């Protein structure tokens, strides 16, 4: 750092070289801009840079290294560890990288990583096309994709990364690269599941899949152990066209459910069927047979309609989460899940049950840095609440104990990891995968500039 000039003066000199905007603590929108999705995190960077292009990103990275400032990268801000912010460093804010270029003939799209899953889904479905993203429309494409992308199309079209054709990346050295199967192949492999360890991804090129018809929506079922176990069994036995996510949670005050059920636990089984209504009816019949539904809103609709259940941004809360891959949910595990959620005193609490398989499992384990292709299902426990560190510590203990009560494979999805350190990385990546990632890290970020993430150290 050049100590002849105050840091703020140096940052303002940087701003003159950028097309994007630099936001400092004295600016009126500083607090709103630095805010991330989870209220656990209240970090105060020295500046946030709303970059306009990859050249801006390269300039910020060069400046960060010259001034020895930490760098955080923010896309949608939904990181479970608040990695979209930092204290005293620089935040590269990608939200203005929001262009989308759809080629409906070639069935490809280049999209900026500042866009959200909901925005891109709404744009491509106008052409009868789809990319499989996550289960929340407000999540940014950058972090979601780089971690893998487990969502409503995972059994039909695989992970988000299974539809990734290329990525524009700014490396720690300031180089702007396009990584794909023909160029920077090891980097392209690492980007598909290795998170933000290797550079700042500014644009992504996706393959688009045909989705001429779609049937989906919530099927609300009673919260019984036999229903939970039956849901998972039916979900794992379903045709590839049907992907489900079960949310065991208190019912929000919605008019389609009787008022006396509001606030009480239910299994909100989200159905996502890539096909026509007749096929959907056959695939969903086993779920409807589990119990008399409290509500059945499964119907022909756009895929983007599933994002209508996203909570509004003003419902920002702290979150504690634990998740692991599991082979399935039997009656004993279902009883433990119900016991755990009933013990949670959080204002909002949730267990997510996701069946995998299908296209997800047909990709070779070493084809991408996401290596858990043999995973059959995933369980996640979440508590959402307000309060300080003591409250957070309480619910962190609850989430860990809840996860420990369910037999798991010990493996984890990197995007759902909490503050689990080396144990978390070992759960997210098999040893051979982690070793290979370390080699790629050494090639593209030997000084570990990109360390505010689920960090992979450069190989020695």
Protein backbone atom coordinates (compact mmCIF):
# COMPACT_ATOMS: atom_id res chain seq x y z
CA UNK A 1 0.00 0.00 0.00
CA UNK A 2 1.25 3.48 -0.87
CA UNK A 3 1.20 5.13 2.56
CA UNK A 4 1.75 8.57 1.06
CA UNK A 5 -1.97 8.70 0.25
CA UNK A 6 -4.94 7.81 2.47
CA UNK A 7 -6.69 4.60 1.38
CA UNK A 8 -9.89 6.43 0.48
CA UNK A 9 -7.94 8.75 -1.83
CA UNK A 10 -6.37 5.73 -3.53
CA UNK A 11 -9.78 4.13 -3.98
CA UNK A 12 -11.12 7.32 -5.50
CA UNK A 13 -8.21 7.31 -7.95
CA UNK A 14 -9.16 3.75 -8.85
CA UNK A 15 -12.71 4.92 -9.49
CA UNK A 16 -11.53 7.28 -12.24
CA UNK A 17 -10.22 4.30 -14.20
CA UNK A 18 -13.46 2.30 -14.05
CA UNK A 19 -16.68 2.31 -16.03
CA UNK A 20 -18.52 1.03 -12.99
CA UNK A 21 -19.23 2.83 -9.73
CA UNK A 22 -17.26 2.80 -6.48
CA UNK A 23 -19.35 3.06 -3.30
CA UNK A 24 -17.63 4.28 -0.13
CA UNK A 25 -18.87 4.33 3.48
CA UNK A 26 -19.77 8.02 3.13
CA UNK A 27 -22.17 7.37 0.25
CA UNK A 28 -25.90 7.26 1.00
CA UNK A 29 -26.40 3.81 -0.53
CA UNK A 30 -23.40 2.17 1.14
CA UNK A 31 -25.43 0.29 3.78
CA UNK A 32 -28.03 -0.95 1.33
CA UNK A 33 -25.38 -2.06 -1.16
CA UNK A 34 -23.18 -3.93 1.33
CA UNK A 35 -26.13 -5.89 2.74
CA UNK A 36 -26.21 -9.62 1.95
CA UNK A 37 -29.17 -11.97 2.09
CA UNK A 38 -28.51 -13.42 5.56
CA UNK A 39 -28.72 -11.18 8.62
CA UNK A 40 -25.95 -13.19 10.35
CA UNK A 41 -23.46 -10.98 8.53
CA UNK A 42 -22.96 -7.22 8.91
CA UNK A 43 -19.61 -6.62 7.27
CA UNK A 44 -18.22 -3.19 6.41
CA UNK A 45 -15.88 -3.14 3.41
CA UNK A 46 -13.60 -0.23 2.62
CA UNK A 47 -15.45 0.04 -0.69
CA UNK A 48 -17.83 -1.79 -2.96
CA UNK A 49 -17.28 -1.70 -6.71
CA UNK A 50 -20.32 -2.17 -8.95
CA UNK A 51 -18.22 -3.35 -11.89
CA UNK A 52 -19.46 -2.74 -15.43
CA UNK A 53 -17.38 -5.37 -17.26
CA UNK A 54 -14.48 -7.79 -17.00
CA UNK A 55 -11.96 -5.00 -17.53
CA UNK A 56 -13.24 -3.29 -14.38
CA UNK A 57 -12.81 -6.55 -12.47
CA UNK A 58 -9.20 -6.86 -13.66
CA UNK A 59 -8.44 -3.29 -12.53
CA UNK A 60 -9.94 -3.92 -9.08
CA UNK A 61 -7.94 -7.13 -8.64
CA UNK A 62 -4.72 -5.38 -9.59
CA UNK A 63 -5.52 -2.58 -7.14
CA UNK A 64 -6.34 -5.05 -4.36
CA UNK A 65 -3.00 -6.77 -4.74
CA UNK A 66 -1.10 -3.48 -4.85
CA UNK A 67 -2.83 -2.29 -1.67
CA UNK A 68 -2.92 -5.73 0.01
CA UNK A 69 -6.67 -5.50 0.51
CA UNK A 70 -8.87 -8.57 0.85
CA UNK A 71 -11.33 -9.22 -1.96
CA UNK A 72 -14.88 -10.54 -1.66
CA UNK A 73 -17.04 -11.30 -4.69
CA UNK A 74 -20.79 -10.81 -4.57
CA UNK A 75 -23.33 -12.09 -7.08
CA UNK A 76 -26.70 -12.62 -5.40
CA UNK A 77 -25.40 -12.37 -1.83
CA UNK A 78 -26.96 -15.66 -0.66
CA UNK A 79 -23.77 -17.37 0.54
CA UNK A 80 -24.42 -19.38 3.69
CA UNK A 81 -21.19 -17.92 5.08
CA UNK A 82 -21.76 -14.33 3.94
CA UNK A 83 -18.83 -14.48 1.52
CA UNK A 84 -20.36 -11.65 -0.53
CA UNK A 85 -19.02 -9.16 2.00
CA UNK A 86 -15.88 -8.46 4.01
CA UNK A 87 -14.55 -6.10 6.67
CA UNK A 88 -12.06 -3.50 5.52
CA UNK A 89 -11.48 -4.94 2.06
CA UNK A 90 -13.01 -4.57 -1.39
CA UNK A 91 -16.27 -6.11 -2.56
CA UNK A 92 -16.53 -6.77 -6.29
CA UNK A 93 -20.28 -6.47 -6.81
CA UNK A 94 -21.39 -8.20 -10.00
CA UNK A 95 -25.04 -7.13 -10.03
CA UNK A 96 -24.60 -4.74 -12.96
CA UNK A 97 -23.30 -7.61 -15.11
CA UNK A 98 -26.88 -8.33 -16.13
CA UNK A 99 -26.86 -8.84 -19.89
CA UNK A 100 -28.37 -11.93 -21.48
CA UNK A 101 -27.86 -13.02 -25.08
CA UNK A 102 -30.16 -15.89 -26.07
CA UNK A 103 -29.70 -17.84 -29.31
CA UNK A 104 -32.94 -19.85 -29.60
CA UNK A 105 -31.73 -21.62 -32.76
CA UNK A 106 -28.42 -22.84 -31.33
CA UNK A 107 -30.15 -23.20 -27.93
CA UNK A 108 -27.42 -21.38 -26.03
CA UNK A 109 -27.27 -18.25 -23.88
CA UNK A 110 -24.47 -16.03 -22.58
CA UNK A 111 -25.58 -14.53 -19.28
CA UNK A 112 -23.98 -12.09 -16.86
CA UNK A 113 -23.27 -13.44 -13.39
CA UNK A 114 -25.09 -10.52 -11.80
CA UNK A 115 -28.41 -11.96 -12.95
CA UNK A 116 -30.58 -14.13 -10.73
CA UNK A 117 -31.96 -17.59 -11.39
CA UNK A 118 -35.47 -16.14 -11.61
CA UNK A 119 -34.51 -13.48 -14.14
CA UNK A 120 -32.79 -15.91 -16.48
CA UNK A 121 -35.52 -18.54 -16.15
CA UNK A 122 -38.20 -15.98 -17.06
CA UNK A 123 -36.18 -14.88 -20.10
CA UNK A 124 -35.42 -18.32 -21.58
CA UNK A 125 -38.82 -19.88 -20.92
CA UNK A 126 -40.35 -17.38 -23.36
CA UNK A 127 -38.59 -19.50 -26.01
CA UNK A 128 -39.81 -22.80 -24.54
CA UNK A 129 -36.32 -23.40 -23.13
CA UNK A 130 -34.84 -23.92 -19.67
CA UNK A 131 -31.64 -24.11 -17.65
CA UNK A 132 -31.84 -26.01 -14.40
CA UNK A 133 -31.08 -23.66 -11.49
CA UNK A 134 -31.79 -23.86 -7.75
CA UNK A 135 -35.02 -23.55 -5.79
CA UNK A 136 -34.88 -19.80 -5.07
CA UNK A 137 -35.34 -17.21 -7.79
CA UNK A 138 -33.39 -14.43 -6.07
CA UNK A 139 -30.12 -16.40 -5.88
CA UNK A 140 -27.36 -15.01 -8.11
CA UNK A 141 -26.03 -17.13 -10.96
CA UNK A 142 -22.38 -16.80 -10.02
CA UNK A 143 -22.25 -18.65 -6.71
CA UNK A 144 -25.11 -21.01 -7.55
CA UNK A 145 -23.43 -22.24 -10.73
CA UNK A 146 -19.85 -22.46 -9.46
CA UNK A 147 -20.94 -24.67 -6.56
CA UNK A 148 -22.94 -27.04 -8.78
CA UNK A 149 -26.59 -25.95 -8.83
CA UNK A 150 -29.08 -28.44 -7.35
CA UNK A 151 -32.63 -27.43 -8.21
CA UNK A 152 -35.96 -28.24 -9.79
CA UNK A 153 -34.57 -29.75 -13.02
CA UNK A 154 -31.75 -31.83 -11.50
CA UNK A 155 -33.20 -35.25 -12.36
CA UNK A 156 -34.15 -34.27 -15.93
CA UNK A 157 -31.25 -32.01 -16.99
CA UNK A 158 -28.64 -32.51 -14.25
CA UNK A 159 -26.88 -29.86 -12.23
CA UNK A 160 -26.56 -26.30 -13.48
CA UNK A 161 -22.90 -27.02 -14.26
CA UNK A 162 -23.94 -29.94 -16.48
CA UNK A 163 -25.42 -27.34 -18.82
CA UNK A 164 -22.43 -25.00 -18.70
CA UNK A 165 -20.54 -24.63 -21.99
CA UNK A 166 -18.06 -21.86 -21.18
CA UNK A 167 -17.16 -19.21 -18.62
CA UNK A 168 -15.51 -15.80 -18.91
CA UNK A 169 -13.10 -15.55 -15.99
CA UNK A 170 -10.83 -12.82 -14.63
CA UNK A 171 -7.89 -14.48 -12.89
CA UNK A 172 -5.81 -13.20 -9.99
CA UNK A 173 -3.21 -11.93 -12.45
CA UNK A 174 -5.84 -9.78 -14.17
CA UNK A 175 -6.05 -11.95 -17.28
CA UNK A 176 -9.47 -12.26 -18.91
CA UNK A 177 -9.96 -15.83 -20.14
CA UNK A 178 -12.70 -17.91 -21.67
CA UNK A 179 -12.58 -21.42 -20.23
CA UNK A 180 -14.34 -24.32 -21.94
CA UNK A 181 -13.65 -27.88 -23.03
CA UNK A 182 -11.11 -26.69 -25.61
CA UNK A 183 -9.42 -23.84 -23.71
CA UNK A 184 -8.11 -23.85 -20.13
CA UNK A 185 -9.69 -27.24 -19.64
CA UNK A 186 -8.45 -27.75 -16.09
CA UNK A 187 -9.82 -24.37 -15.08
CA UNK A 188 -13.16 -25.21 -16.72
CA UNK A 189 -13.23 -28.50 -14.82
CA UNK A 190 -12.51 -26.72 -11.53
CA UNK A 191 -15.11 -23.99 -12.07
CA UNK A 192 -17.82 -26.66 -12.29
CA UNK A 193 -18.17 -27.29 -8.57
CA UNK A 194 -15.03 -25.70 -7.11
CA UNK A 195 -16.69 -22.42 -6.17
CA UNK A 196 -15.11 -18.99 -6.46
CA UNK A 197 -11.57 -20.14 -5.76
CA UNK A 198 -10.06 -19.59 -9.19
CA UNK A 199 -11.14 -16.18 -10.41
CA UNK A 200 -14.07 -13.83 -10.84
CA UNK A 201 -16.54 -15.27 -13.33
CA UNK A 202 -18.25 -12.47 -15.22
CA UNK A 203 -20.26 -14.34 -17.87
CA UNK A 204 -21.51 -17.89 -18.34
CA UNK A 205 -22.52 -19.70 -21.52
CA UNK A 206 -25.26 -22.27 -21.03
CA UNK A 207 -26.84 -24.98 -23.14
CA UNK A 208 -30.61 -24.45 -23.21
CA UNK A 209 -32.95 -27.42 -22.95
CA UNK A 210 -36.37 -27.78 -24.55
CA UNK A 211 -39.26 -27.43 -22.12
CA UNK A 212 -42.43 -27.14 -24.24
CA UNK A 213 -44.68 -28.15 -21.35
CA UNK A 214 -44.31 -27.99 -17.58
CA UNK A 215 -46.49 -29.02 -14.65
CA UNK A 216 -45.61 -27.98 -11.13
CA UNK A 217 -46.48 -26.41 -7.83
CA UNK A 218 -46.95 -27.32 -4.17
CA UNK A 219 -48.70 -30.39 -2.85
CA UNK A 220 -49.26 -29.79 0.87
CA UNK A 221 -49.26 -32.98 2.96
CA UNK A 222 -49.61 -33.70 6.69
CA UNK A 223 -46.35 -33.92 8.69
CA UNK A 224 -46.26 -37.61 9.59
CA UNK A 225 -43.25 -39.90 9.62
CA UNK A 226 -44.85 -42.29 7.14
CA UNK A 227 -45.54 -39.37 4.80
CA UNK A 228 -41.93 -38.13 4.97
CA UNK A 229 -40.52 -41.60 4.32
CA UNK A 230 -43.09 -42.24 1.60
CA UNK A 231 -42.34 -38.91 -0.05
CA UNK A 232 -38.65 -39.71 -0.33
CA UNK A 233 -39.29 -43.24 -1.60
CA UNK A 234 -41.70 -41.97 -4.24
CA UNK A 235 -39.34 -39.16 -5.22
CA UNK A 236 -36.45 -41.56 -5.72
CA UNK A 237 -38.63 -43.97 -7.73
CA UNK A 238 -40.14 -41.24 -9.93
CA UNK A 239 -39.31 -40.90 -13.64
CA UNK A 240 -36.50 -38.52 -14.53
CA UNK A 241 -39.05 -35.95 -15.71
CA UNK A 242 -40.14 -35.36 -12.10
CA UNK A 243 -37.90 -33.53 -9.64
CA UNK A 244 -39.25 -32.82 -6.17
CA UNK A 245 -38.16 -30.81 -3.16
CA UNK A 246 -39.98 -31.36 0.12
CA UNK A 247 -40.09 -28.48 2.59
CA UNK A 248 -41.12 -29.57 6.08
CA UNK A 249 -42.05 -26.22 7.65
CA UNK A 250 -44.84 -24.19 9.28
CA UNK A 251 -47.51 -23.29 6.73
CA UNK A 252 -47.43 -19.57 5.88
CA UNK A 253 -50.71 -17.62 5.98
CA UNK A 254 -51.85 -18.39 2.45
CA UNK A 255 -55.53 -18.45 1.44
CA UNK A 256 -55.39 -21.89 -0.23
CA UNK A 257 -54.86 -23.59 3.15
CA UNK A 258 -57.52 -23.47 5.91
CA UNK A 259 -56.73 -20.72 8.46
CA UNK A 260 -56.56 -23.21 11.31
CA UNK A 261 -53.56 -24.85 9.59
CA UNK A 262 -51.55 -21.61 9.32
CA UNK A 263 -48.37 -21.76 11.40
CA UNK A 264 -48.58 -25.54 11.82
CA UNK A 265 -46.09 -27.98 10.36
CA UNK A 266 -46.72 -29.50 6.97
CA UNK A 267 -44.74 -31.11 4.19
CA UNK A 268 -44.91 -28.66 1.29
CA UNK A 269 -43.91 -30.97 -1.55
CA UNK A 270 -42.85 -28.93 -4.57
CA UNK A 271 -43.44 -30.82 -7.81
CA UNK A 272 -41.56 -30.01 -11.02
CA UNK A 273 -42.53 -32.17 -13.99
CA UNK A 274 -40.88 -31.58 -17.37
CA UNK A 275 -43.65 -32.82 -19.65
CA UNK A 276 -47.37 -32.91 -20.36
CA UNK A 277 -50.24 -33.04 -17.83
CA UNK A 278 -51.03 -36.71 -18.46
CA UNK A 279 -47.47 -37.78 -17.70
CA UNK A 280 -47.41 -35.49 -14.68
CA UNK A 281 -50.62 -37.00 -13.30
CA UNK A 282 -49.14 -40.49 -13.48
CA UNK A 283 -45.84 -39.44 -11.92
CA UNK A 284 -47.43 -37.47 -9.10
CA UNK A 285 -50.14 -40.04 -8.25
CA UNK A 286 -47.95 -41.87 -5.67
CA UNK A 287 -47.46 -38.60 -3.78
CA UNK A 288 -51.17 -37.79 -3.77
CA UNK A 289 -51.80 -41.28 -2.41
CA UNK A 290 -49.58 -40.73 0.65
CA UNK A 291 -52.32 -38.82 2.52
CA UNK A 292 -55.22 -36.49 1.89
CA UNK A 293 -53.55 -33.24 0.77
CA UNK A 294 -54.18 -30.08 2.75
CA UNK A 295 -53.80 -28.26 -0.58
CA UNK A 296 -53.01 -29.35 -4.14
CA UNK A 297 -51.78 -26.55 -6.40
CA UNK A 298 -49.92 -28.71 -8.92
CA UNK A 299 -50.94 -27.59 -12.41
CA UNK A 300 -49.61 -26.60 -15.85
CA UNK A 301 -47.62 -23.40 -15.38
CA UNK A 302 -44.30 -21.80 -16.29
CA UNK A 303 -41.29 -23.12 -14.40
CA UNK A 304 -40.73 -19.61 -13.06
CA UNK A 305 -44.02 -19.90 -11.14
CA UNK A 306 -42.21 -22.10 -8.59
CA UNK A 307 -40.22 -19.04 -7.55
CA UNK A 308 -43.43 -17.24 -6.49
CA UNK A 309 -43.01 -18.76 -3.03
CA UNK A 310 -39.69 -16.96 -2.46
CA UNK A 311 -39.83 -14.78 0.67
CA UNK A 312 -39.63 -11.04 -0.01
CA UNK A 313 -36.24 -9.35 0.60
CA UNK A 314 -37.61 -7.46 3.61
CA UNK A 315 -37.99 -10.82 5.42
CA UNK A 316 -34.23 -10.94 5.90
CA UNK A 317 -33.20 -13.11 8.85
CA UNK A 318 -30.26 -14.94 10.32
CA UNK A 319 -29.96 -18.56 9.23
CA UNK A 320 -28.30 -21.66 10.66
CA UNK A 321 -27.96 -24.58 8.25
CA UNK A 322 -26.56 -28.08 8.13
CA UNK A 323 -26.92 -30.51 5.26
CA UNK A 324 -25.58 -33.84 4.05
CA UNK A 325 -26.23 -36.37 1.33
CA UNK A 326 -28.21 -39.41 2.43
CA UNK A 327 -29.16 -42.71 0.84
CA UNK A 328 -32.81 -42.26 1.72
CA UNK A 329 -35.23 -41.58 4.56
CA UNK A 330 -36.70 -44.56 6.39
CA UNK A 331 -39.32 -44.39 9.13
CA UNK A 332 -36.72 -44.10 11.91
CA UNK A 333 -34.98 -41.19 10.17
CA UNK A 334 -38.35 -39.57 9.49
CA UNK A 335 -39.23 -39.76 13.20
CA UNK A 336 -35.89 -38.14 14.06
CA UNK A 337 -36.49 -35.37 11.53
CA UNK A 338 -39.90 -34.59 13.03
CA UNK A 339 -38.50 -34.66 16.56
CA UNK A 340 -35.70 -32.29 15.58
CA UNK A 341 -37.91 -29.72 13.90
CA UNK A 342 -40.45 -29.80 16.71
CA UNK A 343 -37.64 -28.98 19.17
CA UNK A 344 -36.61 -25.90 17.19
CA UNK A 345 -37.98 -22.66 18.66
CA UNK A 346 -37.01 -20.48 15.68
CA UNK A 347 -39.77 -18.27 14.24
CA UNK A 348 -39.23 -20.04 10.92
CA UNK A 349 -37.72 -23.49 10.59
CA UNK A 350 -37.40 -25.93 7.74
CA UNK A 351 -36.16 -29.34 6.66
CA UNK A 352 -35.46 -29.79 2.96
CA UNK A 353 -35.71 -33.24 1.40
CA UNK A 354 -34.29 -33.58 -2.12
CA UNK A 355 -34.20 -36.73 -4.22
CA UNK A 356 -31.35 -36.85 -6.73
CA UNK A 357 -30.51 -39.49 -9.35
CA UNK A 358 -31.59 -39.34 -12.98
CA UNK A 359 -29.44 -37.12 -15.19
CA UNK A 360 -27.56 -35.91 -12.11
CA UNK A 361 -26.17 -39.40 -11.54
CA UNK A 362 -25.25 -40.19 -15.14
CA UNK A 363 -22.28 -37.79 -15.27
CA UNK A 364 -18.92 -39.47 -14.53
CA UNK A 365 -17.62 -38.62 -11.07
CA UNK A 366 -14.40 -37.07 -12.38
CA UNK A 367 -16.02 -35.05 -15.19
CA UNK A 368 -16.50 -32.00 -12.95
CA UNK A 369 -15.27 -30.79 -9.58
CA UNK A 370 -18.70 -31.69 -8.20
CA UNK A 371 -17.89 -35.34 -7.59
CA UNK A 372 -20.80 -36.78 -5.59
CA UNK A 373 -22.63 -38.24 -8.56
CA UNK A 374 -23.56 -41.35 -6.61
CA UNK A 375 -25.50 -39.32 -4.04
CA UNK A 376 -29.11 -40.45 -3.88
CA UNK A 377 -30.71 -37.68 -1.82
CA UNK A 378 -29.96 -34.66 0.34
CA UNK A 379 -31.33 -33.44 3.67
CA UNK A 380 -30.88 -29.92 5.02
CA UNK A 381 -31.97 -28.43 8.37
CA UNK A 382 -32.49 -24.66 8.57
CA UNK A 383 -33.46 -22.29 11.37
CA UNK A 384 -34.32 -18.65 10.56
CA UNK A 385 -34.39 -16.11 13.36
CA UNK A 386 -33.34 -12.71 14.67
CA UNK A 387 -30.98 -11.87 17.50
CA UNK A 388 -27.31 -11.69 18.38
CA UNK A 389 -24.40 -14.14 18.62
CA UNK A 390 -25.86 -16.08 21.54
CA UNK A 391 -29.02 -16.78 19.56
CA UNK A 392 -26.97 -17.82 16.55
CA UNK A 393 -24.84 -20.16 18.68
CA UNK A 394 -28.01 -21.78 20.04
CA UNK A 395 -29.44 -22.50 16.61
CA UNK A 396 -26.08 -23.63 15.24
CA UNK A 397 -26.08 -26.30 17.95
CA UNK A 398 -29.64 -27.24 17.05
CA UNK A 399 -28.83 -27.56 13.34
CA UNK A 400 -25.78 -29.73 14.00
CA UNK A 401 -27.62 -32.00 16.43
CA UNK A 402 -30.52 -32.33 14.00
CA UNK A 403 -28.21 -33.32 11.15
CA UNK A 404 -26.38 -35.78 13.41
CA UNK A 405 -29.69 -37.52 14.13
CA UNK A 406 -30.11 -38.59 10.50
CA UNK A 407 -27.84 -41.30 9.01
CA UNK A 408 -25.88 -39.74 6.15
CA UNK A 409 -23.05 -40.57 3.77
CA UNK A 410 -20.92 -37.83 5.39
CA UNK A 411 -20.64 -36.03 2.05
CA UNK A 412 -21.96 -32.51 1.48
CA UNK A 413 -22.96 -29.94 -1.14
CA UNK A 414 -20.46 -27.08 -1.03
CA UNK A 415 -23.11 -24.37 -1.50
CA UNK A 416 -24.90 -25.51 1.67
CA UNK A 417 -21.83 -25.75 3.90
CA UNK A 418 -21.71 -23.75 7.10
CA UNK A 419 -18.51 -22.75 8.93
CA UNK A 420 -17.09 -26.27 8.96
CA UNK A 421 -13.47 -25.57 7.93
CA UNK A 422 -11.37 -28.49 6.69
CA UNK A 423 -14.06 -30.95 7.75
CA UNK A 424 -16.48 -29.17 5.45
CA UNK A 425 -14.10 -29.24 2.49
CA UNK A 426 -13.44 -32.94 3.09
CA UNK A 427 -17.20 -33.53 3.03
CA UNK A 428 -17.65 -31.47 -0.14
CA UNK A 429 -14.77 -32.99 -2.13
CA UNK A 430 -13.29 -36.48 -2.22
CA UNK A 431 -9.54 -36.51 -1.57
CA UNK A 432 -8.58 -36.94 -5.24
CA UNK A 433 -10.87 -34.11 -6.30
CA UNK A 434 -9.55 -31.80 -3.58
CA UNK A 435 -5.97 -32.56 -4.58
CA UNK A 436 -6.70 -31.77 -8.23
CA UNK A 437 -8.45 -28.54 -7.22
CA UNK A 438 -5.35 -27.54 -5.26
CA UNK A 439 -3.25 -28.01 -8.40
CA UNK A 440 -5.59 -25.79 -10.42
CA UNK A 441 -5.57 -23.23 -7.62
CA UNK A 442 -1.77 -23.11 -7.78
CA UNK A 443 -1.95 -22.47 -11.53
CA UNK A 444 -4.47 -19.62 -11.42
CA UNK A 445 -4.30 -18.16 -7.90
CA UNK A 446 -0.97 -19.17 -6.30
CA UNK A 447 -1.15 -16.39 -3.66
CA UNK A 448 -4.73 -17.30 -2.66
CA UNK A 449 -6.17 -13.87 -3.45
CA UNK A 450 -9.58 -15.54 -3.72
CA UNK A 451 -9.75 -16.84 -0.18
CA UNK A 452 -13.07 -15.44 1.07
CA UNK A 453 -14.97 -18.58 0.08
CA UNK A 454 -15.00 -22.25 0.97
CA UNK A 455 -11.30 -21.95 0.46
CA UNK A 456 -9.10 -24.41 -1.36
CA UNK A 457 -5.42 -23.77 -0.68
CA UNK A 458 -2.93 -23.80 -3.57
CA UNK A 459 -1.07 -27.10 -3.80
CA UNK A 460 2.44 -26.97 -2.34
